[in-house]
Protein backbone atom coordinates (compact mmCIF):
# COMPACT_ATOMS: atom_id res chain seq x y z
CA UNK A 1 27.65 31.82 11.34
CA UNK A 2 27.94 28.77 13.57
CA UNK A 3 30.07 25.79 12.59
CA UNK A 4 29.53 22.14 13.43
CA UNK A 5 32.37 22.24 15.99
CA UNK A 6 30.90 25.32 17.68
CA UNK A 7 27.45 23.74 17.82
CA UNK A 8 28.73 20.50 19.32
CA UNK A 9 30.77 22.21 22.00
CA UNK A 10 28.44 25.09 22.89
CA UNK A 11 24.83 24.09 22.42
CA UNK A 12 23.40 22.60 25.59
CA UNK A 13 20.19 20.69 26.36
CA UNK A 14 20.18 18.82 23.04
CA UNK A 15 19.13 15.19 22.86
CA UNK A 16 21.62 12.45 22.01
CA UNK A 17 20.24 12.02 18.50
CA UNK A 18 20.99 15.62 17.41
CA UNK A 19 23.23 15.99 14.37
CA UNK A 20 24.87 19.13 13.05
CA UNK A 21 25.93 19.82 9.48
CA UNK A 22 27.25 22.63 7.31
CA UNK A 23 25.46 21.05 4.35
CA UNK A 24 22.06 22.71 4.03
CA UNK A 25 20.87 20.20 1.42
CA UNK A 26 20.24 17.79 4.32
CA UNK A 27 17.88 20.18 6.09
CA UNK A 28 14.85 18.02 5.36
CA UNK A 29 13.36 20.12 2.56
CA UNK A 30 13.05 17.16 0.20
CA UNK A 31 11.57 15.08 2.99
CA UNK A 32 9.01 17.78 3.78
CA UNK A 33 7.93 17.89 0.13
CA UNK A 34 7.50 14.11 0.05
CA UNK A 35 5.44 14.20 3.25
CA UNK A 36 2.85 16.47 1.66
CA UNK A 37 -0.65 15.00 1.83
CA UNK A 38 -2.02 13.90 -1.54
CA UNK A 39 -5.69 14.75 -2.00
CA UNK A 40 -7.83 11.73 -2.95
CA UNK A 41 -11.30 12.70 -4.25
CA UNK A 42 -14.24 12.41 -4.62
CA UNK A 43 -14.88 10.28 -1.59
CA UNK A 44 -17.36 8.66 -1.64
CA UNK A 45 -17.25 8.02 -5.38
CA UNK A 46 -19.42 6.35 -8.00
CA UNK A 47 -16.92 5.71 -10.79
CA UNK A 48 -13.39 6.99 -10.31
CA UNK A 49 -11.01 8.64 -7.86
CA UNK A 50 -8.57 11.43 -8.60
CA UNK A 51 -5.26 12.32 -6.98
CA UNK A 52 -3.92 15.86 -6.59
CA UNK A 53 -0.58 14.75 -8.12
CA UNK A 54 0.62 11.85 -10.25
CA UNK A 55 1.41 8.92 -8.00
CA UNK A 56 1.82 5.15 -7.90
CA UNK A 57 -1.24 3.47 -6.43
CA UNK A 58 -2.36 0.05 -5.24
CA UNK A 59 -6.00 -0.56 -4.39
CA UNK A 60 -7.23 -3.36 -2.15
CA UNK A 61 -10.76 -4.59 -1.47
CA UNK A 62 -12.17 -5.21 2.02
CA UNK A 63 -10.66 -8.72 2.10
CA UNK A 64 -7.17 -7.30 1.40
CA UNK A 65 -7.01 -8.58 -2.18
CA UNK A 66 -4.99 -6.40 -4.54
CA UNK A 67 -7.44 -5.46 -7.29
CA UNK A 68 -5.46 -2.81 -9.17
CA UNK A 69 -1.97 -1.38 -9.36
CA UNK A 70 -1.05 1.64 -11.49
CA UNK A 71 2.08 3.75 -11.83
CA UNK A 72 2.31 7.50 -12.36
CA UNK A 73 -1.43 8.17 -12.53
CA UNK A 74 -3.69 10.94 -11.28
CA UNK A 75 -6.98 9.06 -11.69
CA UNK A 76 -8.19 5.51 -11.11
CA UNK A 77 -11.31 3.94 -12.62
CA UNK A 78 -13.48 2.03 -10.13
CA UNK A 79 -16.57 1.74 -12.33
CA UNK A 80 -16.28 -2.05 -12.69
CA UNK A 81 -15.85 -2.61 -8.94
CA UNK A 82 -18.81 -3.39 -6.68
CA UNK A 83 -20.07 -1.00 -4.02
CA UNK A 84 -17.94 -1.15 -0.90
CA UNK A 85 -14.91 0.09 1.00
CA UNK A 86 -11.50 0.08 -0.64
CA UNK A 87 -8.05 0.80 0.71
CA UNK A 88 -5.39 2.54 -1.35
CA UNK A 89 -1.66 2.74 -0.86
CA UNK A 90 0.25 5.55 -2.57
CA UNK A 91 3.98 5.08 -3.10
CA UNK A 92 6.84 7.12 -4.48
CA UNK A 93 9.10 5.93 -7.30
CA UNK A 94 11.34 4.15 -4.77
CA UNK A 95 8.40 2.03 -3.60
CA UNK A 96 8.17 3.77 -0.23
CA UNK A 97 4.65 4.21 1.12
CA UNK A 98 3.80 7.91 1.29
CA UNK A 99 0.12 7.66 2.15
CA UNK A 100 -2.72 5.26 2.84
CA UNK A 101 -6.38 6.14 2.41
CA UNK A 102 -9.83 4.59 2.53
CA UNK A 103 -12.29 5.04 -0.36
CA UNK A 104 -16.02 4.36 -0.32
CA UNK A 105 -17.57 3.32 -3.64
CA UNK A 106 -21.31 3.95 -3.84
């Protein structure tokens, strides 16, 4: 098994931003899970959109007005909104944007 000291002194052709660690919990597994694409469907829609997981969502109309904001939901009702294009922002519980999508309401 290689140690941090061995890696630093023996591994060549690494870029200057490379970091080495003996702590495997920093291997990016949590980051990879958070970077998973959330399915947003149906698109186009007539009444509502669904998300493949519970998420925090903001929805904006074509003029960038915030028209709805919900936390920890897996569906969003658009039945009272007029036909058009909408933009959604999905965030994690820390408020970090994890995905942006465009929705067409028929």
